[in-house]
Amino acid sequence: MTFLGQLLISGPPFIIAIVLHEVAHGYVAKLLGDKTASDQGRITLNPIKHIDPFLSIILPALLIFSGSPVIFGGAKAVPVNPFNFKNPRVGMAIVAAAGPITNFIIAGISLLILRTINVDEAGFMLTVIHLWLATSVMLNIILGLFNLIPVPPLDGGRIMVGILPIVLARKYALLEKYGFYILIALLYFDIPELFLKPAIDFVIFNLLPYSNYPTPQITQ
């Protein structure tokens, strides 16, 4: 598939996935007592509020254009002040978990709608929507699983800090300043693919009604 074709198919589901992921963080934080994201206007479906020019546009576009097997990108992180929670560590863990859970919910809803479409009888626009939905299923599962990797500042890392004993949690939290470099190393050695591929194969061969989709490998 051409760069433009990949962008048209993956772009809309990707934007929806990362925007709702971040909105979920901010909304759950507000429910737990922290209004930082709300006060800064980040609990909104307006993608402009969540887009980071480099992470959301330039980096994914460069990787797609270069033919990279892994497309890495993300949104601007929603601001959260854990000291507004009754229990800062547990609150941050719950807020972190909200993002991946939201991605899995989006994947489930996309799959349900997808199964109502008969692509063999669909016109052009319905076929495009069909591809968007199929891409949404795959992309949201990948985003959800990738973000559960237990490396700060990914959501999985923050969840680990919330559930570990306090002494270990403090030491584990120190990894965050090296988190970006750890992620780059993991991606370079294809470590995420070891547990993402079985999930992707399961979705393609057991959930999606067709298997000839362009299956994006996009991580946040």
N, C-alpha and C. Protein backbone atom coordinates (compact mmCIF):
# COMPACT_ATOMS: atom_id res chain seq x y z
N MET A 1 0.83 -1.19 0.00
CA MET A 1 0.00 0.00 0.00
C MET A 1 0.88 1.25 0.00
N THR A 2 0.46 2.26 -0.76
CA THR A 2 1.23 3.50 -0.83
C THR A 2 1.16 4.25 0.49
N PHE A 3 2.09 5.21 0.62
CA PHE A 3 2.12 6.02 1.84
C PHE A 3 0.79 6.75 2.04
N LEU A 4 0.26 7.33 0.95
CA LEU A 4 -1.00 8.07 1.05
C LEU A 4 -2.14 7.13 1.42
N GLY A 5 -2.15 5.95 0.81
CA GLY A 5 -3.20 4.98 1.12
C GLY A 5 -3.15 4.55 2.57
N GLN A 6 -1.94 4.26 3.07
CA GLN A 6 -1.77 3.87 4.47
C GLN A 6 -2.21 4.99 5.40
N LEU A 7 -1.89 6.23 5.02
CA LEU A 7 -2.27 7.38 5.85
C LEU A 7 -3.78 7.55 5.90
N LEU A 8 -4.45 7.38 4.75
CA LEU A 8 -5.90 7.54 4.69
C LEU A 8 -6.63 6.45 5.47
N ILE A 9 -6.09 5.23 5.44
CA ILE A 9 -6.73 4.13 6.15
C ILE A 9 -6.41 4.16 7.64
N SER A 10 -5.16 4.45 7.99
CA SER A 10 -4.75 4.40 9.39
C SER A 10 -4.97 5.71 10.14
N GLY A 11 -4.98 6.84 9.40
CA GLY A 11 -5.05 8.16 10.05
C GLY A 11 -6.27 8.38 10.93
N PRO A 12 -7.49 8.27 10.39
CA PRO A 12 -8.67 8.52 11.23
C PRO A 12 -8.79 7.60 12.44
N PRO A 13 -8.62 6.27 12.29
CA PRO A 13 -8.67 5.41 13.49
C PRO A 13 -7.58 5.73 14.50
N PHE A 14 -6.40 6.11 14.00
CA PHE A 14 -5.28 6.44 14.89
C PHE A 14 -5.61 7.68 15.72
N ILE A 15 -6.15 8.71 15.08
CA ILE A 15 -6.49 9.94 15.78
C ILE A 15 -7.55 9.67 16.84
N ILE A 16 -8.60 8.91 16.47
CA ILE A 16 -9.67 8.59 17.42
C ILE A 16 -9.10 7.81 18.60
N ALA A 17 -8.22 6.85 18.31
CA ALA A 17 -7.66 5.99 19.36
C ALA A 17 -6.84 6.79 20.37
N ILE A 18 -5.97 7.67 19.88
CA ILE A 18 -5.10 8.39 20.81
C ILE A 18 -5.85 9.50 21.54
N VAL A 19 -6.84 10.11 20.86
CA VAL A 19 -7.62 11.17 21.53
C VAL A 19 -8.44 10.57 22.67
N LEU A 20 -9.17 9.49 22.40
CA LEU A 20 -10.00 8.88 23.44
C LEU A 20 -9.14 8.28 24.56
N HIS A 21 -7.96 7.79 24.20
CA HIS A 21 -7.03 7.27 25.21
C HIS A 21 -6.66 8.38 26.21
N GLU A 22 -6.32 9.55 25.69
CA GLU A 22 -5.93 10.66 26.56
C GLU A 22 -7.12 11.24 27.31
N VAL A 23 -8.27 11.34 26.64
CA VAL A 23 -9.47 11.84 27.31
C VAL A 23 -9.83 10.94 28.49
N ALA A 24 -9.67 9.63 28.31
CA ALA A 24 -9.97 8.69 29.39
C ALA A 24 -9.08 8.96 30.60
N HIS A 25 -7.80 9.20 30.36
CA HIS A 25 -6.89 9.54 31.46
C HIS A 25 -7.41 10.76 32.22
N GLY A 26 -7.71 11.82 31.48
CA GLY A 26 -8.15 13.07 32.11
C GLY A 26 -9.48 12.95 32.83
N TYR A 27 -10.41 12.21 32.21
CA TYR A 27 -11.75 12.07 32.80
C TYR A 27 -11.70 11.27 34.10
N VAL A 28 -10.95 10.17 34.09
CA VAL A 28 -10.84 9.35 35.30
C VAL A 28 -10.11 10.12 36.40
N ALA A 29 -9.08 10.88 36.01
CA ALA A 29 -8.38 11.72 36.99
C ALA A 29 -9.36 12.70 37.65
N LYS A 30 -10.23 13.29 36.84
CA LYS A 30 -11.23 14.23 37.38
C LYS A 30 -12.16 13.52 38.34
N LEU A 31 -12.60 12.31 37.99
CA LEU A 31 -13.49 11.56 38.87
C LEU A 31 -12.83 11.26 40.21
N LEU A 32 -11.49 11.11 40.19
CA LEU A 32 -10.76 10.79 41.41
C LEU A 32 -10.33 12.03 42.19
N GLY A 33 -10.65 13.22 41.66
CA GLY A 33 -10.38 14.43 42.41
C GLY A 33 -9.36 15.39 41.83
N ASP A 34 -8.76 15.03 40.69
CA ASP A 34 -7.76 15.92 40.08
C ASP A 34 -8.36 16.59 38.84
N LYS A 35 -8.52 17.88 38.87
CA LYS A 35 -9.13 18.62 37.77
C LYS A 35 -8.09 19.31 36.87
N THR A 36 -6.83 18.91 36.99
CA THR A 36 -5.76 19.57 36.21
C THR A 36 -6.05 19.50 34.71
N ALA A 37 -6.34 18.32 34.21
CA ALA A 37 -6.61 18.16 32.77
C ALA A 37 -7.87 18.91 32.37
N SER A 38 -8.88 18.87 33.22
CA SER A 38 -10.13 19.58 32.93
C SER A 38 -9.91 21.08 32.87
N ASP A 39 -9.16 21.61 33.84
CA ASP A 39 -8.89 23.05 33.88
C ASP A 39 -8.07 23.52 32.68
N GLN A 40 -7.27 22.63 32.11
CA GLN A 40 -6.44 22.98 30.95
C GLN A 40 -7.12 22.64 29.62
N GLY A 41 -8.40 22.27 29.68
CA GLY A 41 -9.15 22.00 28.46
C GLY A 41 -8.75 20.74 27.73
N ARG A 42 -8.20 19.76 28.47
CA ARG A 42 -7.73 18.53 27.81
C ARG A 42 -8.76 17.41 27.80
N ILE A 43 -9.87 17.57 28.50
CA ILE A 43 -10.93 16.56 28.42
C ILE A 43 -11.86 16.98 27.30
N THR A 44 -11.39 16.83 26.11
CA THR A 44 -12.11 17.25 24.91
C THR A 44 -11.82 16.31 23.76
N LEU A 45 -12.78 16.19 22.84
CA LEU A 45 -12.60 15.35 21.66
C LEU A 45 -11.91 16.10 20.53
N ASN A 46 -11.59 17.36 20.76
CA ASN A 46 -10.88 18.15 19.75
C ASN A 46 -9.45 17.64 19.63
N PRO A 47 -9.10 16.99 18.50
CA PRO A 47 -7.76 16.39 18.38
C PRO A 47 -6.62 17.40 18.45
N ILE A 48 -6.90 18.65 18.09
CA ILE A 48 -5.85 19.67 18.12
C ILE A 48 -5.30 19.84 19.52
N LYS A 49 -6.16 19.67 20.53
CA LYS A 49 -5.73 19.82 21.92
C LYS A 49 -4.79 18.70 22.36
N HIS A 50 -4.83 17.57 21.65
CA HIS A 50 -4.06 16.40 22.07
C HIS A 50 -2.87 16.09 21.17
N ILE A 51 -2.82 16.73 20.02
CA ILE A 51 -1.77 16.40 19.05
C ILE A 51 -0.45 17.04 19.43
N ASP A 52 0.57 16.23 19.45
CA ASP A 52 1.94 16.70 19.59
C ASP A 52 2.53 16.72 18.18
N PRO A 53 2.98 17.88 17.70
CA PRO A 53 3.44 17.97 16.29
C PRO A 53 4.45 16.89 15.91
N PHE A 54 5.37 16.59 16.81
CA PHE A 54 6.39 15.60 16.48
C PHE A 54 5.89 14.17 16.67
N LEU A 55 5.38 13.87 17.88
CA LEU A 55 4.97 12.50 18.19
C LEU A 55 3.75 12.05 17.39
N SER A 56 2.80 12.96 17.15
CA SER A 56 1.55 12.58 16.51
C SER A 56 1.57 12.66 14.99
N ILE A 57 2.46 13.49 14.44
CA ILE A 57 2.42 13.70 12.99
C ILE A 57 3.76 13.38 12.33
N ILE A 58 4.80 14.10 12.71
CA ILE A 58 6.07 14.00 12.00
C ILE A 58 6.69 12.61 12.13
N LEU A 59 6.80 12.11 13.37
CA LEU A 59 7.45 10.82 13.58
C LEU A 59 6.71 9.66 12.91
N PRO A 60 5.38 9.50 13.12
CA PRO A 60 4.67 8.41 12.43
C PRO A 60 4.76 8.52 10.91
N ALA A 61 4.64 9.76 10.39
CA ALA A 61 4.70 9.95 8.94
C ALA A 61 6.06 9.54 8.37
N LEU A 62 7.13 9.93 9.06
CA LEU A 62 8.47 9.56 8.62
C LEU A 62 8.66 8.05 8.62
N LEU A 63 8.16 7.39 9.66
CA LEU A 63 8.31 5.94 9.76
C LEU A 63 7.49 5.21 8.69
N ILE A 64 6.27 5.69 8.44
CA ILE A 64 5.44 5.09 7.39
C ILE A 64 6.11 5.29 6.04
N PHE A 65 6.57 6.52 5.78
CA PHE A 65 7.19 6.84 4.49
C PHE A 65 8.47 6.03 4.25
N SER A 66 9.20 5.75 5.34
CA SER A 66 10.45 5.00 5.20
C SER A 66 10.24 3.49 5.14
N GLY A 67 8.98 3.05 5.31
CA GLY A 67 8.70 1.63 5.25
C GLY A 67 9.06 0.88 6.51
N SER A 68 9.14 1.59 7.64
CA SER A 68 9.48 0.94 8.89
C SER A 68 8.43 -0.09 9.27
N PRO A 69 8.85 -1.26 9.79
CA PRO A 69 7.88 -2.28 10.21
C PRO A 69 7.12 -1.88 11.47
N VAL A 70 7.65 -0.92 12.24
CA VAL A 70 6.99 -0.44 13.44
C VAL A 70 6.76 1.05 13.33
N ILE A 71 5.49 1.46 13.50
CA ILE A 71 5.15 2.87 13.45
C ILE A 71 4.94 3.36 14.87
N PHE A 72 5.79 4.25 15.33
CA PHE A 72 5.79 4.70 16.72
C PHE A 72 5.31 6.13 16.79
N GLY A 73 4.34 6.39 17.64
CA GLY A 73 3.84 7.74 17.78
C GLY A 73 2.95 7.85 19.00
N GLY A 74 2.42 9.03 19.24
CA GLY A 74 1.56 9.20 20.40
C GLY A 74 1.01 10.60 20.48
N ALA A 75 0.24 10.84 21.53
CA ALA A 75 -0.37 12.14 21.75
C ALA A 75 0.35 12.88 22.86
N LYS A 76 0.01 14.16 23.00
CA LYS A 76 0.54 14.95 24.11
C LYS A 76 -0.04 14.42 25.40
N ALA A 77 0.80 14.12 26.37
CA ALA A 77 0.35 13.52 27.62
C ALA A 77 -0.61 14.45 28.36
N VAL A 78 -1.68 13.87 28.89
CA VAL A 78 -2.62 14.64 29.70
C VAL A 78 -1.99 14.94 31.07
N PRO A 79 -2.03 16.20 31.52
CA PRO A 79 -1.43 16.54 32.83
C PRO A 79 -2.25 15.97 33.98
N VAL A 80 -1.58 15.33 34.90
CA VAL A 80 -2.23 14.76 36.08
C VAL A 80 -1.40 15.11 37.31
N ASN A 81 -2.06 15.58 38.35
CA ASN A 81 -1.39 15.87 39.62
C ASN A 81 -1.81 14.82 40.64
N PRO A 82 -0.98 13.81 40.87
CA PRO A 82 -1.38 12.70 41.76
C PRO A 82 -1.64 13.13 43.20
N PHE A 83 -1.13 14.28 43.61
CA PHE A 83 -1.31 14.72 44.99
C PHE A 83 -2.74 15.20 45.26
N ASN A 84 -3.55 15.28 44.20
CA ASN A 84 -4.97 15.59 44.39
C ASN A 84 -5.79 14.34 44.65
N PHE A 85 -5.17 13.17 44.56
CA PHE A 85 -5.87 11.91 44.85
C PHE A 85 -5.74 11.58 46.33
N LYS A 86 -6.71 10.85 46.86
CA LYS A 86 -6.62 10.40 48.25
C LYS A 86 -5.41 9.50 48.44
N ASN A 87 -5.19 8.62 47.46
CA ASN A 87 -4.02 7.75 47.46
C ASN A 87 -3.29 7.97 46.14
N PRO A 88 -2.23 8.80 46.14
CA PRO A 88 -1.58 9.17 44.88
C PRO A 88 -1.13 7.98 44.03
N ARG A 89 -0.51 6.96 44.65
CA ARG A 89 0.00 5.82 43.87
C ARG A 89 -1.14 5.04 43.24
N VAL A 90 -2.16 4.72 44.02
CA VAL A 90 -3.29 3.95 43.51
C VAL A 90 -4.07 4.78 42.48
N GLY A 91 -4.22 6.07 42.77
CA GLY A 91 -4.92 6.95 41.83
C GLY A 91 -4.25 6.99 40.48
N MET A 92 -2.92 7.13 40.49
CA MET A 92 -2.18 7.17 39.23
C MET A 92 -2.29 5.84 38.48
N ALA A 93 -2.31 4.73 39.21
CA ALA A 93 -2.45 3.43 38.57
C ALA A 93 -3.81 3.30 37.89
N ILE A 94 -4.85 3.77 38.56
CA ILE A 94 -6.21 3.71 37.99
C ILE A 94 -6.30 4.60 36.76
N VAL A 95 -5.75 5.81 36.86
CA VAL A 95 -5.76 6.74 35.72
C VAL A 95 -4.99 6.14 34.54
N ALA A 96 -3.85 5.52 34.83
CA ALA A 96 -3.05 4.90 33.77
C ALA A 96 -3.81 3.77 33.10
N ALA A 97 -4.50 2.96 33.89
CA ALA A 97 -5.22 1.81 33.33
C ALA A 97 -6.39 2.25 32.44
N ALA A 98 -6.91 3.44 32.67
CA ALA A 98 -8.06 3.92 31.90
C ALA A 98 -7.76 4.03 30.41
N GLY A 99 -6.51 4.37 30.06
CA GLY A 99 -6.15 4.53 28.65
C GLY A 99 -6.23 3.23 27.88
N PRO A 100 -5.48 2.19 28.27
CA PRO A 100 -5.56 0.91 27.56
C PRO A 100 -6.95 0.30 27.59
N ILE A 101 -7.65 0.40 28.72
CA ILE A 101 -9.01 -0.14 28.79
C ILE A 101 -9.90 0.52 27.75
N THR A 102 -9.74 1.83 27.58
CA THR A 102 -10.51 2.56 26.57
C THR A 102 -10.19 2.05 25.17
N ASN A 103 -8.92 1.79 24.89
CA ASN A 103 -8.54 1.25 23.58
C ASN A 103 -9.18 -0.11 23.33
N PHE A 104 -9.23 -0.95 24.35
CA PHE A 104 -9.86 -2.27 24.19
C PHE A 104 -11.37 -2.14 23.98
N ILE A 105 -12.00 -1.17 24.64
CA ILE A 105 -13.43 -0.93 24.44
C ILE A 105 -13.69 -0.46 23.01
N ILE A 106 -12.85 0.47 22.52
CA ILE A 106 -13.00 0.95 21.14
C ILE A 106 -12.86 -0.21 20.16
N ALA A 107 -11.88 -1.08 20.41
CA ALA A 107 -11.67 -2.25 19.54
C ALA A 107 -12.91 -3.13 19.53
N GLY A 108 -13.51 -3.35 20.70
CA GLY A 108 -14.70 -4.18 20.78
C GLY A 108 -15.88 -3.57 20.05
N ILE A 109 -16.09 -2.26 20.22
CA ILE A 109 -17.20 -1.58 19.54
C ILE A 109 -16.98 -1.60 18.03
N SER A 110 -15.74 -1.35 17.60
CA SER A 110 -15.42 -1.37 16.17
C SER A 110 -15.70 -2.75 15.57
N LEU A 111 -15.35 -3.79 16.31
CA LEU A 111 -15.57 -5.15 15.84
C LEU A 111 -17.06 -5.46 15.71
N LEU A 112 -17.84 -5.03 16.68
CA LEU A 112 -19.29 -5.27 16.63
C LEU A 112 -19.92 -4.59 15.41
N ILE A 113 -19.53 -3.34 15.17
CA ILE A 113 -20.07 -2.62 14.00
C ILE A 113 -19.57 -3.26 12.72
N LEU A 114 -18.30 -3.64 12.71
CA LEU A 114 -17.69 -4.25 11.52
C LEU A 114 -18.45 -5.48 11.08
N ARG A 115 -18.90 -6.28 12.02
CA ARG A 115 -19.58 -7.53 11.70
C ARG A 115 -20.97 -7.34 11.12
N THR A 116 -21.47 -6.08 11.17
CA THR A 116 -22.79 -5.81 10.58
C THR A 116 -22.68 -5.43 9.11
N ILE A 117 -21.45 -5.22 8.61
CA ILE A 117 -21.26 -4.76 7.24
C ILE A 117 -20.92 -5.94 6.34
N ASN A 118 -21.65 -6.07 5.25
CA ASN A 118 -21.34 -7.07 4.23
C ASN A 118 -20.49 -6.39 3.16
N VAL A 119 -19.19 -6.57 3.24
CA VAL A 119 -18.28 -5.85 2.36
C VAL A 119 -18.44 -6.27 0.91
N ASP A 120 -18.95 -7.47 0.65
CA ASP A 120 -19.13 -7.94 -0.72
C ASP A 120 -20.22 -7.15 -1.45
N GLU A 121 -21.13 -6.56 -0.69
CA GLU A 121 -22.22 -5.80 -1.30
C GLU A 121 -22.08 -4.30 -1.03
N ALA A 122 -20.97 -3.90 -0.44
CA ALA A 122 -20.79 -2.50 -0.05
C ALA A 122 -20.31 -1.65 -1.21
N GLY A 123 -20.73 -0.37 -1.19
CA GLY A 123 -20.20 0.59 -2.14
C GLY A 123 -18.86 1.10 -1.67
N PHE A 124 -18.34 2.10 -2.39
CA PHE A 124 -17.01 2.61 -2.08
C PHE A 124 -16.90 3.15 -0.66
N MET A 125 -17.85 4.03 -0.27
CA MET A 125 -17.76 4.66 1.04
C MET A 125 -17.89 3.63 2.15
N LEU A 126 -18.79 2.69 1.99
CA LEU A 126 -18.99 1.66 3.01
C LEU A 126 -17.76 0.76 3.10
N THR A 127 -17.11 0.54 1.96
CA THR A 127 -15.87 -0.25 1.97
C THR A 127 -14.77 0.48 2.73
N VAL A 128 -14.69 1.80 2.55
CA VAL A 128 -13.70 2.59 3.29
C VAL A 128 -13.99 2.53 4.78
N ILE A 129 -15.26 2.66 5.16
CA ILE A 129 -15.63 2.57 6.58
C ILE A 129 -15.28 1.19 7.12
N HIS A 130 -15.48 0.18 6.31
CA HIS A 130 -15.13 -1.19 6.68
C HIS A 130 -13.64 -1.31 6.99
N LEU A 131 -12.82 -0.71 6.15
CA LEU A 131 -11.37 -0.73 6.37
C LEU A 131 -10.99 0.06 7.61
N TRP A 132 -11.65 1.20 7.81
CA TRP A 132 -11.38 1.99 9.02
C TRP A 132 -11.69 1.18 10.27
N LEU A 133 -12.83 0.48 10.27
CA LEU A 133 -13.23 -0.30 11.43
C LEU A 133 -12.26 -1.46 11.67
N ALA A 134 -11.87 -2.14 10.60
CA ALA A 134 -10.92 -3.25 10.73
C ALA A 134 -9.58 -2.74 11.27
N THR A 135 -9.16 -1.59 10.75
CA THR A 135 -7.91 -0.99 11.23
C THR A 135 -8.05 -0.57 12.69
N SER A 136 -9.23 -0.05 13.04
CA SER A 136 -9.47 0.38 14.41
C SER A 136 -9.37 -0.78 15.39
N VAL A 137 -9.91 -1.94 15.00
CA VAL A 137 -9.82 -3.11 15.87
C VAL A 137 -8.37 -3.46 16.14
N MET A 138 -7.60 -3.59 15.07
CA MET A 138 -6.21 -3.99 15.20
C MET A 138 -5.38 -2.92 15.92
N LEU A 139 -5.56 -1.69 15.51
CA LEU A 139 -4.75 -0.60 16.05
C LEU A 139 -4.99 -0.40 17.54
N ASN A 140 -6.25 -0.45 17.97
CA ASN A 140 -6.55 -0.22 19.38
C ASN A 140 -6.06 -1.36 20.26
N ILE A 141 -6.11 -2.57 19.74
CA ILE A 141 -5.57 -3.69 20.51
C ILE A 141 -4.06 -3.54 20.66
N ILE A 142 -3.39 -3.13 19.57
CA ILE A 142 -1.94 -2.93 19.62
C ILE A 142 -1.59 -1.79 20.58
N LEU A 143 -2.33 -0.67 20.49
CA LEU A 143 -2.07 0.46 21.38
C LEU A 143 -2.30 0.08 22.84
N GLY A 144 -3.40 -0.63 23.08
CA GLY A 144 -3.70 -1.02 24.45
C GLY A 144 -2.63 -1.93 25.03
N LEU A 145 -2.23 -2.94 24.27
CA LEU A 145 -1.23 -3.88 24.75
C LEU A 145 0.14 -3.22 24.90
N PHE A 146 0.51 -2.40 23.90
CA PHE A 146 1.81 -1.74 23.95
C PHE A 146 1.92 -0.85 25.18
N ASN A 147 0.84 -0.13 25.48
CA ASN A 147 0.87 0.78 26.62
C ASN A 147 0.89 0.05 27.95
N LEU A 148 0.60 -1.24 27.93
CA LEU A 148 0.66 -2.03 29.16
C LEU A 148 2.06 -2.59 29.43
N ILE A 149 2.99 -2.34 28.51
CA ILE A 149 4.38 -2.73 28.78
C ILE A 149 4.82 -2.03 30.07
N PRO A 150 5.33 -2.77 31.05
CA PRO A 150 5.63 -2.18 32.36
C PRO A 150 6.91 -1.36 32.41
N VAL A 151 6.97 -0.35 31.55
CA VAL A 151 8.12 0.55 31.53
C VAL A 151 7.61 1.99 31.68
N PRO A 152 7.91 2.66 32.78
CA PRO A 152 7.53 4.08 32.88
C PRO A 152 8.19 4.86 31.76
N PRO A 153 7.52 5.84 31.12
CA PRO A 153 6.23 6.40 31.51
C PRO A 153 5.03 5.78 30.82
N LEU A 154 5.16 4.61 30.21
CA LEU A 154 3.99 3.95 29.65
C LEU A 154 3.00 3.63 30.76
N ASP A 155 1.74 3.43 30.40
CA ASP A 155 0.71 3.17 31.40
C ASP A 155 1.04 1.94 32.24
N GLY A 156 1.60 0.92 31.60
CA GLY A 156 1.96 -0.28 32.34
C GLY A 156 2.97 -0.01 33.44
N GLY A 157 3.91 0.90 33.17
CA GLY A 157 4.89 1.27 34.18
C GLY A 157 4.24 1.97 35.37
N ARG A 158 3.28 2.85 35.08
CA ARG A 158 2.61 3.57 36.16
C ARG A 158 1.72 2.61 36.97
N ILE A 159 1.14 1.63 36.30
CA ILE A 159 0.35 0.63 37.02
C ILE A 159 1.24 -0.17 37.95
N MET A 160 2.43 -0.53 37.47
CA MET A 160 3.38 -1.28 38.31
C MET A 160 3.75 -0.48 39.55
N VAL A 161 4.00 0.81 39.38
CA VAL A 161 4.35 1.66 40.52
C VAL A 161 3.20 1.69 41.53
N GLY A 162 1.97 1.58 41.03
CA GLY A 162 0.82 1.62 41.91
C GLY A 162 0.56 0.34 42.68
N ILE A 163 1.02 -0.79 42.15
CA ILE A 163 0.69 -2.07 42.80
C ILE A 163 1.87 -2.69 43.54
N LEU A 164 3.08 -2.22 43.26
CA LEU A 164 4.25 -2.77 43.96
C LEU A 164 4.30 -2.26 45.40
N PRO A 165 4.94 -3.01 46.30
CA PRO A 165 5.18 -2.49 47.65
C PRO A 165 5.92 -1.16 47.56
N ILE A 166 5.68 -0.29 48.51
CA ILE A 166 6.14 1.10 48.43
C ILE A 166 7.65 1.22 48.20
N VAL A 167 8.45 0.36 48.85
CA VAL A 167 9.90 0.44 48.69
C VAL A 167 10.29 0.12 47.25
N LEU A 168 9.72 -0.95 46.70
CA LEU A 168 10.02 -1.33 45.31
C LEU A 168 9.43 -0.31 44.34
N ALA A 169 8.27 0.23 44.68
CA ALA A 169 7.61 1.21 43.80
C ALA A 169 8.47 2.45 43.62
N ARG A 170 9.08 2.91 44.70
CA ARG A 170 9.93 4.11 44.60
C ARG A 170 11.13 3.86 43.70
N LYS A 171 11.72 2.68 43.83
CA LYS A 171 12.87 2.34 42.99
C LYS A 171 12.43 2.17 41.53
N TYR A 172 11.28 1.55 41.35
CA TYR A 172 10.78 1.31 39.99
C TYR A 172 10.45 2.64 39.29
N ALA A 173 9.93 3.59 40.04
CA ALA A 173 9.57 4.89 39.47
C ALA A 173 10.79 5.63 38.93
N LEU A 174 11.96 5.33 39.47
CA LEU A 174 13.19 5.99 39.01
C LEU A 174 13.52 5.62 37.56
N LEU A 175 12.93 4.51 37.07
CA LEU A 175 13.19 4.09 35.69
C LEU A 175 12.62 5.09 34.68
N GLU A 176 11.68 5.95 35.14
CA GLU A 176 10.99 6.81 34.19
C GLU A 176 11.95 7.74 33.44
N LYS A 177 13.01 8.19 34.10
CA LYS A 177 13.93 9.10 33.40
C LYS A 177 14.71 8.39 32.31
N TYR A 178 14.72 7.05 32.34
CA TYR A 178 15.39 6.28 31.29
C TYR A 178 14.37 5.59 30.38
N GLY A 179 13.07 5.86 30.64
CA GLY A 179 12.02 5.13 29.94
C GLY A 179 12.08 5.21 28.43
N PHE A 180 12.33 6.41 27.91
CA PHE A 180 12.35 6.58 26.46
C PHE A 180 13.45 5.74 25.82
N TYR A 181 14.60 5.73 26.45
CA TYR A 181 15.73 4.97 25.91
C TYR A 181 15.48 3.45 26.01
N ILE A 182 14.82 3.05 27.10
CA ILE A 182 14.47 1.63 27.24
C ILE A 182 13.50 1.21 26.13
N LEU A 183 12.52 2.09 25.84
CA LEU A 183 11.55 1.78 24.79
C LEU A 183 12.22 1.68 23.42
N ILE A 184 13.12 2.59 23.15
CA ILE A 184 13.84 2.55 21.87
C ILE A 184 14.61 1.25 21.75
N ALA A 185 15.26 0.83 22.83
CA ALA A 185 16.02 -0.42 22.81
C ALA A 185 15.09 -1.61 22.60
N LEU A 186 13.94 -1.61 23.27
CA LEU A 186 12.98 -2.70 23.11
C LEU A 186 12.47 -2.79 21.68
N LEU A 187 12.17 -1.62 21.09
CA LEU A 187 11.70 -1.59 19.71
C LEU A 187 12.79 -2.02 18.74
N TYR A 188 14.02 -1.61 19.01
CA TYR A 188 15.13 -1.95 18.12
C TYR A 188 15.33 -3.47 18.06
N PHE A 189 15.16 -4.13 19.19
CA PHE A 189 15.35 -5.58 19.24
C PHE A 189 14.04 -6.35 19.07
N ASP A 190 12.97 -5.63 18.66
CA ASP A 190 11.68 -6.26 18.35
C ASP A 190 11.08 -7.02 19.54
N ILE A 191 11.40 -6.59 20.75
CA ILE A 191 10.88 -7.26 21.93
C ILE A 191 9.35 -7.17 22.02
N PRO A 192 8.74 -5.97 21.79
CA PRO A 192 7.27 -5.91 21.88
C PRO A 192 6.57 -6.88 20.94
N GLU A 193 7.19 -7.16 19.80
CA GLU A 193 6.57 -8.05 18.82
C GLU A 193 6.39 -9.46 19.38
N LEU A 194 7.22 -9.86 20.35
CA LEU A 194 7.15 -11.21 20.90
C LEU A 194 5.80 -11.49 21.54
N PHE A 195 5.22 -10.46 22.20
CA PHE A 195 3.90 -10.70 22.79
C PHE A 195 2.77 -10.03 22.01
N LEU A 196 3.10 -9.07 21.15
CA LEU A 196 2.07 -8.45 20.32
C LEU A 196 1.64 -9.35 19.17
N LYS A 197 2.59 -10.07 18.57
CA LYS A 197 2.27 -10.88 17.39
C LYS A 197 1.22 -11.95 17.66
N PRO A 198 1.31 -12.71 18.77
CA PRO A 198 0.25 -13.70 19.03
C PRO A 198 -1.13 -13.06 19.13
N ALA A 199 -1.20 -11.88 19.77
CA ALA A 199 -2.48 -11.19 19.90
C ALA A 199 -2.98 -10.73 18.53
N ILE A 200 -2.06 -10.20 17.71
CA ILE A 200 -2.42 -9.74 16.37
C ILE A 200 -2.92 -10.91 15.52
N ASP A 201 -2.20 -12.03 15.57
CA ASP A 201 -2.61 -13.20 14.79
C ASP A 201 -3.97 -13.71 15.24
N PHE A 202 -4.22 -13.67 16.55
CA PHE A 202 -5.52 -14.13 17.06
C PHE A 202 -6.64 -13.25 16.52
N VAL A 203 -6.42 -11.93 16.53
CA VAL A 203 -7.44 -11.00 16.03
C VAL A 203 -7.69 -11.23 14.55
N ILE A 204 -6.62 -11.35 13.76
CA ILE A 204 -6.76 -11.49 12.31
C ILE A 204 -7.50 -12.78 11.94
N PHE A 205 -7.09 -13.88 12.56
CA PHE A 205 -7.60 -15.18 12.13
C PHE A 205 -8.84 -15.66 12.89
N ASN A 206 -9.16 -14.99 14.00
CA ASN A 206 -10.30 -15.45 14.79
C ASN A 206 -11.40 -14.42 14.99
N LEU A 207 -11.06 -13.14 14.92
CA LEU A 207 -12.06 -12.11 15.18
C LEU A 207 -12.52 -11.38 13.93
N LEU A 208 -11.56 -10.94 13.11
CA LEU A 208 -11.92 -10.19 11.92
C LEU A 208 -12.58 -11.11 10.90
N PRO A 209 -13.71 -10.65 10.30
CA PRO A 209 -14.40 -11.50 9.34
C PRO A 209 -13.65 -11.70 8.04
N TYR A 210 -12.66 -10.85 7.76
CA TYR A 210 -11.82 -10.99 6.57
C TYR A 210 -10.37 -10.82 7.01
N SER A 211 -9.46 -11.41 6.29
CA SER A 211 -8.05 -11.35 6.69
C SER A 211 -7.17 -10.61 5.70
N ASN A 212 -7.78 -9.97 4.70
CA ASN A 212 -6.96 -9.30 3.69
C ASN A 212 -6.93 -7.79 3.89
N TYR A 213 -6.89 -7.35 5.16
CA TYR A 213 -6.81 -5.94 5.47
C TYR A 213 -5.37 -5.46 5.51
N PRO A 214 -5.15 -4.18 5.30
CA PRO A 214 -3.84 -3.62 5.65
C PRO A 214 -3.77 -3.55 7.16
N THR A 215 -2.97 -4.36 7.80
CA THR A 215 -2.93 -4.41 9.26
C THR A 215 -1.80 -3.52 9.78
N PRO A 216 -2.15 -2.37 10.35
CA PRO A 216 -1.14 -1.42 10.80
C PRO A 216 -0.41 -1.92 12.03
N GLN A 217 0.87 -1.61 12.13
CA GLN A 217 1.63 -1.91 13.34
C GLN A 217 2.01 -0.58 13.98
N ILE A 218 1.04 -0.05 14.69
CA ILE A 218 1.23 1.29 15.24
C ILE A 218 1.24 1.21 16.75
N THR A 219 2.25 1.79 17.36
CA THR A 219 2.35 1.79 18.80
C THR A 219 2.42 3.21 19.30
N GLN A 220 1.94 3.39 20.54
CA GLN A 220 1.96 4.72 21.13
C GLN A 220 3.00 4.82 22.20
